[in-house]
Amino acid sequence: MTGGDVPHLGGVVSFDFKSKKISKTFFESHDGRKHKDIFLAEQFAEKIKDHLNGNLCVTAGVHIDGITEKQIDASFVMVDELAQAVLN
């Protein structure tokens, strides 16, 4: 997943089909904070993992300067829609 003003790799969520384990890797931004776009990747993985017959790796990097709470909420709705499209 990517989007916004500054494309980047903010985090990775992986799902091991055999062990059913989800792993998350947060990458630090240039100012040392951890990227929060991984929460989008995590939601996406959760939505589709039970429908897979193999492993999954989701990368995320979404950045919008001055993002509002409303835009953040909308991004989670978009992730749900994307997951449903993938499942279809």
PDB file of N, CA and C in Angstrom:
ATOM      1  N   MET A   1       0.839  -1.157   0.000  1.00  0.00           N
ATOM      2  CA  MET A   1       0.000   0.000   0.000  1.00  0.00           C
ATOM      3  C   MET A   1       0.891   1.228   0.000  1.00  0.00           C
ATOM      4  N   THR A   2       0.581   2.146  -0.877  1.00  0.00           N
ATOM      5  CA  THR A   2       1.350   3.384  -0.923  1.00  0.00           C
ATOM      6  C   THR A   2       0.428   4.523  -1.296  1.00  0.00           C
ATOM      7  N   GLY A   3       0.828   5.709  -0.927  1.00  0.00           N
ATOM      8  CA  GLY A   3       0.025   6.858  -1.295  1.00  0.00           C
ATOM      9  C   GLY A   3       0.438   8.098  -0.551  1.00  0.00           C
ATOM     10  N   GLY A   4      -0.159   9.195  -0.956  1.00  0.00           N
ATOM     11  CA  GLY A   4       0.091  10.446  -0.283  1.00  0.00           C
ATOM     12  C   GLY A   4       1.171  11.281  -0.941  1.00  0.00           C
ATOM     13  N   ASP A   5       1.752  12.157  -0.137  1.00  0.00           N
ATOM     14  CA  ASP A   5       2.700  13.149  -0.628  1.00  0.00           C
ATOM     15  C   ASP A   5       4.131  12.645  -0.740  1.00  0.00           C
ATOM     16  N   VAL A   6       4.512  11.679   0.087  1.00  0.00           N
ATOM     17  CA  VAL A   6       5.898  11.221   0.137  1.00  0.00           C
ATOM     18  C   VAL A   6       5.925   9.690   0.140  1.00  0.00           C
ATOM     19  N   PRO A   7       6.114   9.082  -1.030  1.00  0.00           N
ATOM     20  CA  PRO A   7       6.183   7.616  -1.074  1.00  0.00           C
ATOM     21  C   PRO A   7       7.362   7.116  -0.228  1.00  0.00           C
ATOM     22  N   HIS A   8       7.146   6.048   0.516  1.00  0.00           N
ATOM     23  CA  HIS A   8       8.187   5.484   1.369  1.00  0.00           C
ATOM     24  C   HIS A   8       7.762   4.089   1.810  1.00  0.00           C
ATOM     25  N   LEU A   9       8.643   3.404   2.506  1.00  0.00           N
ATOM     26  CA  LEU A   9       8.313   2.122   3.109  1.00  0.00           C
ATOM     27  C   LEU A   9       8.270   2.325   4.613  1.00  0.00           C
ATOM     28  N   GLY A  10       7.067   2.317   5.175  1.00  0.00           N
ATOM     29  CA  GLY A  10       6.888   2.599   6.590  1.00  0.00           C
ATOM     30  C   GLY A  10       6.866   1.372   7.467  1.00  0.00           C
ATOM     31  N   GLY A  11       6.446   0.255   6.907  1.00  0.00           N
ATOM     32  CA  GLY A  11       6.382  -0.957   7.703  1.00  0.00           C
ATOM     33  C   GLY A  11       5.978  -2.165   6.883  1.00  0.00           C
ATOM     34  N   VAL A  12       6.145  -3.325   7.496  1.00  0.00           N
ATOM     35  CA  VAL A  12       5.828  -4.598   6.851  1.00  0.00           C
ATOM     36  C   VAL A  12       5.054  -5.462   7.833  1.00  0.00           C
ATOM     37  N   VAL A  13       4.002  -6.089   7.346  1.00  0.00           N
ATOM     38  CA  VAL A  13       3.251  -7.063   8.120  1.00  0.00           C
ATOM     39  C   VAL A  13       3.309  -8.377   7.351  1.00  0.00           C
ATOM     40  N   SER A  14       3.718  -9.426   8.031  1.00  0.00           N
ATOM     41  CA  SER A  14       3.769 -10.735   7.378  1.00  0.00           C
ATOM     42  C   SER A  14       2.914 -11.725   8.162  1.00  0.00           C
ATOM     43  N   PHE A  15       2.399 -12.693   7.439  1.00  0.00           N
ATOM     44  CA  PHE A  15       1.568 -13.745   8.022  1.00  0.00           C
ATOM     45  C   PHE A  15       2.123 -15.077   7.562  1.00  0.00           C
ATOM     46  N   ASP A  16       2.489 -15.916   8.536  1.00  0.00           N
ATOM     47  CA  ASP A  16       2.993 -17.260   8.238  1.00  0.00           C
ATOM     48  C   ASP A  16       1.817 -18.227   8.271  1.00  0.00           C
ATOM     49  N   PHE A  17       1.511 -18.769   7.115  1.00  0.00           N
ATOM     50  CA  PHE A  17       0.332 -19.624   6.982  1.00  0.00           C
ATOM     51  C   PHE A  17       0.395 -20.846   7.891  1.00  0.00           C
ATOM     52  N   LYS A  18       1.552 -21.448   7.998  1.00  0.00           N
ATOM     53  CA  LYS A  18       1.677 -22.680   8.780  1.00  0.00           C
ATOM     54  C   LYS A  18       1.527 -22.435  10.287  1.00  0.00           C
ATOM     55  N   SER A  19       2.231 -21.440  10.808  1.00  0.00           N
ATOM     56  CA  SER A  19       2.175 -21.182  12.249  1.00  0.00           C
ATOM     57  C   SER A  19       1.034 -20.241  12.641  1.00  0.00           C
ATOM     58  N   LYS A  20       0.433 -19.581  11.642  1.00  0.00           N
ATOM     59  CA  LYS A  20      -0.638 -18.594  11.857  1.00  0.00           C
ATOM     60  C   LYS A  20      -0.134 -17.356  12.602  1.00  0.00           C
ATOM     61  N   LYS A  21       1.176 -17.133  12.565  1.00  0.00           N
ATOM     62  CA  LYS A  21       1.783 -16.010  13.273  1.00  0.00           C
ATOM     63  C   LYS A  21       1.850 -14.770  12.389  1.00  0.00           C
ATOM     64  N   ILE A  22       1.469 -13.633  12.974  1.00  0.00           N
ATOM     65  CA  ILE A  22       1.607 -12.344  12.302  1.00  0.00           C
ATOM     66  C   ILE A  22       2.801 -11.630  12.913  1.00  0.00           C
ATOM     67  N   SER A  23       3.671 -11.114  12.057  1.00  0.00           N
ATOM     68  CA  SER A  23       4.837 -10.345  12.491  1.00  0.00           C
ATOM     69  C   SER A  23       4.744  -8.947  11.913  1.00  0.00           C
ATOM     70  N   LYS A  24       5.179  -7.964  12.705  1.00  0.00           N
ATOM     71  CA  LYS A  24       5.144  -6.571  12.253  1.00  0.00           C
ATOM     72  C   LYS A  24       6.541  -5.975  12.388  1.00  0.00           C
ATOM     73  N   THR A  25       6.931  -5.237  11.370  1.00  0.00           N
ATOM     74  CA  THR A  25       8.189  -4.497  11.405  1.00  0.00           C
ATOM     75  C   THR A  25       7.876  -3.034  11.154  1.00  0.00           C
ATOM     76  N   PHE A  26       8.148  -2.209  12.145  1.00  0.00           N
ATOM     77  CA  PHE A  26       7.972  -0.760  12.030  1.00  0.00           C
ATOM     78  C   PHE A  26       9.311  -0.160  11.622  1.00  0.00           C
ATOM     79  N   PHE A  27       9.325   0.681  10.620  1.00  0.00           N
ATOM     80  CA  PHE A  27      10.535   1.399  10.256  1.00  0.00           C
ATOM     81  C   PHE A  27      10.470   2.805  10.835  1.00  0.00           C
ATOM     82  N   GLU A  28      11.615   3.309  11.225  1.00  0.00           N
ATOM     83  CA  GLU A  28      11.665   4.665  11.768  1.00  0.00           C
ATOM     84  C   GLU A  28      11.700   5.683  10.636  1.00  0.00           C
ATOM     85  N   SER A  29      11.053   6.817  10.875  1.00  0.00           N
ATOM     86  CA  SER A  29      11.085   7.909   9.908  1.00  0.00           C
ATOM     87  C   SER A  29      12.367   8.712  10.107  1.00  0.00           C
ATOM     88  N   HIS A  30      12.566   9.714   9.280  1.00  0.00           N
ATOM     89  CA  HIS A  30      13.784  10.522   9.345  1.00  0.00           C
ATOM     90  C   HIS A  30      13.950  11.227  10.690  1.00  0.00           C
ATOM     91  N   ASP A  31      12.862  11.468  11.405  1.00  0.00           N
ATOM     92  CA  ASP A  31      12.962  12.146  12.704  1.00  0.00           C
ATOM     93  C   ASP A  31      12.929  11.170  13.885  1.00  0.00           C
ATOM     94  N   GLY A  32      13.019   9.869  13.594  1.00  0.00           N
ATOM     95  CA  GLY A  32      13.109   8.866  14.645  1.00  0.00           C
ATOM     96  C   GLY A  32      11.798   8.285  15.127  1.00  0.00           C
ATOM     97  N   ARG A  33      10.683   8.855  14.695  1.00  0.00           N
ATOM     98  CA  ARG A  33       9.388   8.282  15.082  1.00  0.00           C
ATOM     99  C   ARG A  33       9.108   7.052  14.224  1.00  0.00           C
ATOM    100  N   LYS A  34       8.279   6.168  14.730  1.00  0.00           N
ATOM    101  CA  LYS A  34       7.902   4.988  13.956  1.00  0.00           C
ATOM    102  C   LYS A  34       6.707   5.329  13.081  1.00  0.00           C
ATOM    103  N   HIS A  35       6.751   4.836  11.846  1.00  0.00           N
ATOM    104  CA  HIS A  35       5.647   5.058  10.920  1.00  0.00           C
ATOM    105  C   HIS A  35       4.389   4.368  11.426  1.00  0.00           C
ATOM    106  N   LYS A  36       3.269   5.034  11.267  1.00  0.00           N
ATOM    107  CA  LYS A  36       1.990   4.475  11.725  1.00  0.00           C
ATOM    108  C   LYS A  36       1.181   3.843  10.598  1.00  0.00           C
ATOM    109  N   ASP A  37       1.659   3.964   9.368  1.00  0.00           N
ATOM    110  CA  ASP A  37       0.931   3.367   8.254  1.00  0.00           C
ATOM    111  C   ASP A  37       0.906   1.849   8.331  1.00  0.00           C
ATOM    112  N   ILE A  38       1.737   1.280   9.186  1.00  0.00           N
ATOM    113  CA  ILE A  38       1.708  -0.168   9.362  1.00  0.00           C
ATOM    114  C   ILE A  38       0.350  -0.640   9.882  1.00  0.00           C
ATOM    115  N   PHE A  39      -0.380   0.244  10.571  1.00  0.00           N
ATOM    116  CA  PHE A  39      -1.703  -0.141  11.060  1.00  0.00           C
ATOM    117  C   PHE A  39      -2.662  -0.424   9.902  1.00  0.00           C
ATOM    118  N   LEU A  40      -2.457   0.253   8.776  1.00  0.00           N
ATOM    119  CA  LEU A  40      -3.251  -0.041   7.583  1.00  0.00           C
ATOM    120  C   LEU A  40      -2.899  -1.427   7.042  1.00  0.00           C
ATOM    121  N   ALA A  41      -1.593  -1.719   6.992  1.00  0.00           N
ATOM    122  CA  ALA A  41      -1.148  -3.031   6.516  1.00  0.00           C
ATOM    123  C   ALA A  41      -1.656  -4.143   7.425  1.00  0.00           C
ATOM    124  N   GLU A  42      -1.637  -3.881   8.727  1.00  0.00           N
ATOM    125  CA  GLU A  42      -2.115  -4.866   9.690  1.00  0.00           C
ATOM    126  C   GLU A  42      -3.611  -5.139   9.499  1.00  0.00           C
ATOM    127  N   GLN A  43      -4.385  -4.091   9.307  1.00  0.00           N
ATOM    128  CA  GLN A  43      -5.823  -4.270   9.092  1.00  0.00           C
ATOM    129  C   GLN A  43      -6.076  -5.060   7.812  1.00  0.00           C
ATOM    130  N   PHE A  44      -5.335  -4.737   6.754  1.00  0.00           N
ATOM    131  CA  PHE A  44      -5.484  -5.446   5.487  1.00  0.00           C
ATOM    132  C   PHE A  44      -5.163  -6.933   5.666  1.00  0.00           C
ATOM    133  N   ALA A  45      -4.047  -7.227   6.312  1.00  0.00           N
ATOM    134  CA  ALA A  45      -3.653  -8.620   6.528  1.00  0.00           C
ATOM    135  C   ALA A  45      -4.704  -9.373   7.328  1.00  0.00           C
ATOM    136  N   GLU A  46      -5.216  -8.750   8.379  1.00  0.00           N
ATOM    137  CA  GLU A  46      -6.247  -9.387   9.202  1.00  0.00           C
ATOM    138  C   GLU A  46      -7.494  -9.725   8.387  1.00  0.00           C
ATOM    139  N   LYS A  47      -7.846  -8.853   7.449  1.00  0.00           N
ATOM    140  CA  LYS A  47      -9.062  -9.050   6.645  1.00  0.00           C
ATOM    141  C   LYS A  47      -8.935 -10.215   5.672  1.00  0.00           C
ATOM    142  N   ILE A  48      -7.720 -10.475   5.171  1.00  0.00           N
ATOM    143  CA  ILE A  48      -7.603 -11.484   4.112  1.00  0.00           C
ATOM    144  C   ILE A  48      -6.895 -12.770   4.526  1.00  0.00           C
ATOM    145  N   LYS A  49      -6.181 -12.774   5.640  1.00  0.00           N
ATOM    146  CA  LYS A  49      -5.323 -13.909   5.995  1.00  0.00           C
ATOM    147  C   LYS A  49      -6.072 -15.239   6.101  1.00  0.00           C
ATOM    148  N   ASP A  50      -7.277 -15.230   6.590  1.00  0.00           N
ATOM    149  CA  ASP A  50      -8.021 -16.479   6.763  1.00  0.00           C
ATOM    150  C   ASP A  50      -8.554 -17.039   5.446  1.00  0.00           C
ATOM    151  N   HIS A  51      -8.391 -16.291   4.375  1.00  0.00           N
ATOM    152  CA  HIS A  51      -8.862 -16.728   3.061  1.00  0.00           C
ATOM    153  C   HIS A  51      -7.713 -17.186   2.167  1.00  0.00           C
ATOM    154  N   LEU A  52      -6.519 -17.248   2.717  1.00  0.00           N
ATOM    155  CA  LEU A  52      -5.331 -17.601   1.947  1.00  0.00           C
ATOM    156  C   LEU A  52      -4.940 -19.057   2.170  1.00  0.00           C
ATOM    157  N   ASN A  53      -4.244 -19.596   1.207  1.00  0.00           N
ATOM    158  CA  ASN A  53      -3.679 -20.932   1.386  1.00  0.00           C
ATOM    159  C   ASN A  53      -2.155 -20.863   1.319  1.00  0.00           C
ATOM    160  N   GLY A  54      -1.615 -19.714   1.748  1.00  0.00           N
ATOM    161  CA  GLY A  54      -0.169 -19.520   1.768  1.00  0.00           C
ATOM    162  C   GLY A  54       0.193 -18.310   2.600  1.00  0.00           C
ATOM    163  N   ASN A  55       1.440 -17.943   2.521  1.00  0.00           N
ATOM    164  CA  ASN A  55       1.976 -16.826   3.301  1.00  0.00           C
ATOM    165  C   ASN A  55       1.571 -15.484   2.699  1.00  0.00           C
ATOM    166  N   LEU A  56       1.730 -14.427   3.506  1.00  0.00           N
ATOM    167  CA  LEU A  56       1.354 -13.082   3.083  1.00  0.00           C
ATOM    168  C   LEU A  56       2.382 -12.083   3.588  1.00  0.00           C
ATOM    169  N   CYS A  57       2.713 -11.116   2.759  1.00  0.00           N
ATOM    170  CA  CYS A  57       3.583 -10.013   3.155  1.00  0.00           C
ATOM    171  C   CYS A  57       2.970  -8.727   2.601  1.00  0.00           C
ATOM    172  N   VAL A  58       2.666  -7.795   3.489  1.00  0.00           N
ATOM    173  CA  VAL A  58       2.059  -6.526   3.097  1.00  0.00           C
ATOM    174  C   VAL A  58       3.008  -5.408   3.492  1.00  0.00           C
ATOM    175  N   THR A  59       3.356  -4.566   2.532  1.00  0.00           N
ATOM    176  CA  THR A  59       4.175  -3.392   2.830  1.00  0.00           C
ATOM    177  C   THR A  59       3.282  -2.161   2.778  1.00  0.00           C
ATOM    178  N   ALA A  60       3.621  -1.177   3.598  1.00  0.00           N
ATOM    179  CA  ALA A  60       2.816   0.040   3.639  1.00  0.00           C
ATOM    180  C   ALA A  60       3.712   1.262   3.753  1.00  0.00           C
ATOM    181  N   GLY A  61       3.331   2.300   3.028  1.00  0.00           N
ATOM    182  CA  GLY A  61       4.010   3.574   3.098  1.00  0.00           C
ATOM    183  C   GLY A  61       3.073   4.667   2.616  1.00  0.00           C
ATOM    184  N   VAL A  62       2.336   5.253   3.526  1.00  0.00           N
ATOM    185  CA  VAL A  62       1.360   6.286   3.191  1.00  0.00           C
ATOM    186  C   VAL A  62       1.693   7.532   4.012  1.00  0.00           C
ATOM    187  N   HIS A  63       1.834   8.651   3.331  1.00  0.00           N
ATOM    188  CA  HIS A  63       2.143   9.894   4.042  1.00  0.00           C
ATOM    189  C   HIS A  63       1.347  11.035   3.423  1.00  0.00           C
ATOM    190  N   ILE A  64       0.613  11.742   4.258  1.00  0.00           N
ATOM    191  CA  ILE A  64      -0.127  12.923   3.808  1.00  0.00           C
ATOM    192  C   ILE A  64       0.213  14.050   4.773  1.00  0.00           C
ATOM    193  N   ASP A  65       0.824  15.089   4.256  1.00  0.00           N
ATOM    194  CA  ASP A  65       1.173  16.241   5.093  1.00  0.00           C
ATOM    195  C   ASP A  65      -0.084  16.820   5.721  1.00  0.00           C
ATOM    196  N   GLY A  66      -0.054  17.016   7.029  1.00  0.00           N
ATOM    197  CA  GLY A  66      -1.181  17.641   7.722  1.00  0.00           C
ATOM    198  C   GLY A  66      -2.450  16.816   7.705  1.00  0.00           C
ATOM    199  N   ILE A  67      -2.325  15.506   7.699  1.00  0.00           N
ATOM    200  CA  ILE A  67      -3.508  14.644   7.630  1.00  0.00           C
ATOM    201  C   ILE A  67      -4.463  14.939   8.794  1.00  0.00           C
ATOM    202  N   THR A  68      -5.737  14.912   8.477  1.00  0.00           N
ATOM    203  CA  THR A  68      -6.768  15.166   9.488  1.00  0.00           C
ATOM    204  C   THR A  68      -7.282  13.845  10.048  1.00  0.00           C
ATOM    205  N   GLU A  69      -7.958  13.929  11.180  1.00  0.00           N
ATOM    206  CA  GLU A  69      -8.557  12.738  11.780  1.00  0.00           C
ATOM    207  C   GLU A  69      -9.570  12.110  10.824  1.00  0.00           C
ATOM    208  N   LYS A  70     -10.302  12.931  10.109  1.00  0.00           N
ATOM    209  CA  LYS A  70     -11.289  12.441   9.142  1.00  0.00           C
ATOM    210  C   LYS A  70     -10.601  11.664   8.009  1.00  0.00           C
ATOM    211  N   GLN A  71      -9.454  12.173   7.550  1.00  0.00           N
ATOM    212  CA  GLN A  71      -8.714  11.474   6.499  1.00  0.00           C
ATOM    213  C   GLN A  71      -8.132  10.156   7.014  1.00  0.00           C
ATOM    214  N   ILE A  72      -7.675  10.161   8.254  1.00  0.00           N
ATOM    215  CA  ILE A  72      -7.167   8.917   8.848  1.00  0.00           C
ATOM    216  C   ILE A  72      -8.281   7.883   8.909  1.00  0.00           C
ATOM    217  N   ASP A  73      -9.449   8.288   9.390  1.00  0.00           N
ATOM    218  CA  ASP A  73     -10.596   7.378   9.446  1.00  0.00           C
ATOM    219  C   ASP A  73     -10.944   6.850   8.056  1.00  0.00           C
ATOM    220  N   ALA A  74     -10.911   7.731   7.056  1.00  0.00           N
ATOM    221  CA  ALA A  74     -11.238   7.329   5.685  1.00  0.00           C
ATOM    222  C   ALA A  74     -10.225   6.325   5.144  1.00  0.00           C
ATOM    223  N   SER A  75      -8.976   6.434   5.574  1.00  0.00           N
ATOM    224  CA  SER A  75      -7.956   5.500   5.074  1.00  0.00           C
ATOM    225  C   SER A  75      -8.260   4.073   5.520  1.00  0.00           C
ATOM    226  N   PHE A  76      -8.807   3.903   6.712  1.00  0.00           N
ATOM    227  CA  PHE A  76      -9.160   2.564   7.167  1.00  0.00           C
ATOM    228  C   PHE A  76     -10.358   2.005   6.391  1.00  0.00           C
ATOM    229  N   VAL A  77     -11.284   2.866   6.025  1.00  0.00           N
ATOM    230  CA  VAL A  77     -12.409   2.445   5.179  1.00  0.00           C
ATOM    231  C   VAL A  77     -11.884   2.005   3.809  1.00  0.00           C
ATOM    232  N   MET A  78     -10.934   2.761   3.263  1.00  0.00           N
ATOM    233  CA  MET A  78     -10.350   2.403   1.966  1.00  0.00           C
ATOM    234  C   MET A  78      -9.618   1.066   2.037  1.00  0.00           C
ATOM    235  N   VAL A  79      -8.953   0.793   3.148  1.00  0.00           N
ATOM    236  CA  VAL A  79      -8.270  -0.491   3.314  1.00  0.00           C
ATOM    237  C   VAL A  79      -9.285  -1.636   3.334  1.00  0.00           C
ATOM    238  N   ASP A  80     -10.408  -1.447   4.018  1.00  0.00           N
ATOM    239  CA  ASP A  80     -11.458  -2.462   4.020  1.00  0.00           C
ATOM    240  C   ASP A  80     -11.963  -2.712   2.600  1.00  0.00           C
ATOM    241  N   GLU A  81     -12.158  -1.650   1.849  1.00  0.00           N
ATOM    242  CA  GLU A  81     -12.622  -1.787   0.460  1.00  0.00           C
ATOM    243  C   GLU A  81     -11.587  -2.498  -0.397  1.00  0.00           C
ATOM    244  N   LEU A  82     -10.315  -2.179  -0.203  1.00  0.00           N
ATOM    245  CA  LEU A  82      -9.246  -2.840  -0.947  1.00  0.00           C
ATOM    246  C   LEU A  82      -9.202  -4.332  -0.605  1.00  0.00           C
ATOM    247  N   ALA A  83      -9.297  -4.652   0.676  1.00  0.00           N
ATOM    248  CA  ALA A  83      -9.302  -6.066   1.087  1.00  0.00           C
ATOM    249  C   ALA A  83     -10.465  -6.814   0.459  1.00  0.00           C
ATOM    250  N   GLN A  84     -11.642  -6.203   0.448  1.00  0.00           N
ATOM    251  CA  GLN A  84     -12.794  -6.856  -0.161  1.00  0.00           C
ATOM    252  C   GLN A  84     -12.597  -7.056  -1.654  1.00  0.00           C
ATOM    253  N   ALA A  85     -12.006  -6.083  -2.317  1.00  0.00           N
ATOM    254  CA  ALA A  85     -11.724  -6.229  -3.755  1.00  0.00           C
ATOM    255  C   ALA A  85     -10.745  -7.369  -3.999  1.00  0.00           C
ATOM    256  N   VAL A  86      -9.742  -7.512  -3.165  1.00  0.00           N
ATOM    257  CA  VAL A  86      -8.781  -8.602  -3.294  1.00  0.00           C
ATOM    258  C   VAL A  86      -9.481  -9.943  -3.077  1.00  0.00           C
ATOM    259  N   LEU A  87     -10.333 -10.004  -2.075  1.00  0.00           N
ATOM    260  CA  LEU A  87     -11.044 -11.250  -1.811  1.00  0.00           C
ATOM    261  C   LEU A  87     -12.007 -11.625  -2.929  1.00  0.00           C
ATOM    262  N   ASN A  88     -12.587 -10.628  -3.562  1.00  0.00           N
ATOM    263  CA  ASN A  88     -13.500 -10.900  -4.677  1.00  0.00           C
ATOM    264  C   ASN A  88     -12.745 -11.425  -5.878  1.00  0.00           C
TER     265      ASN A  88
END
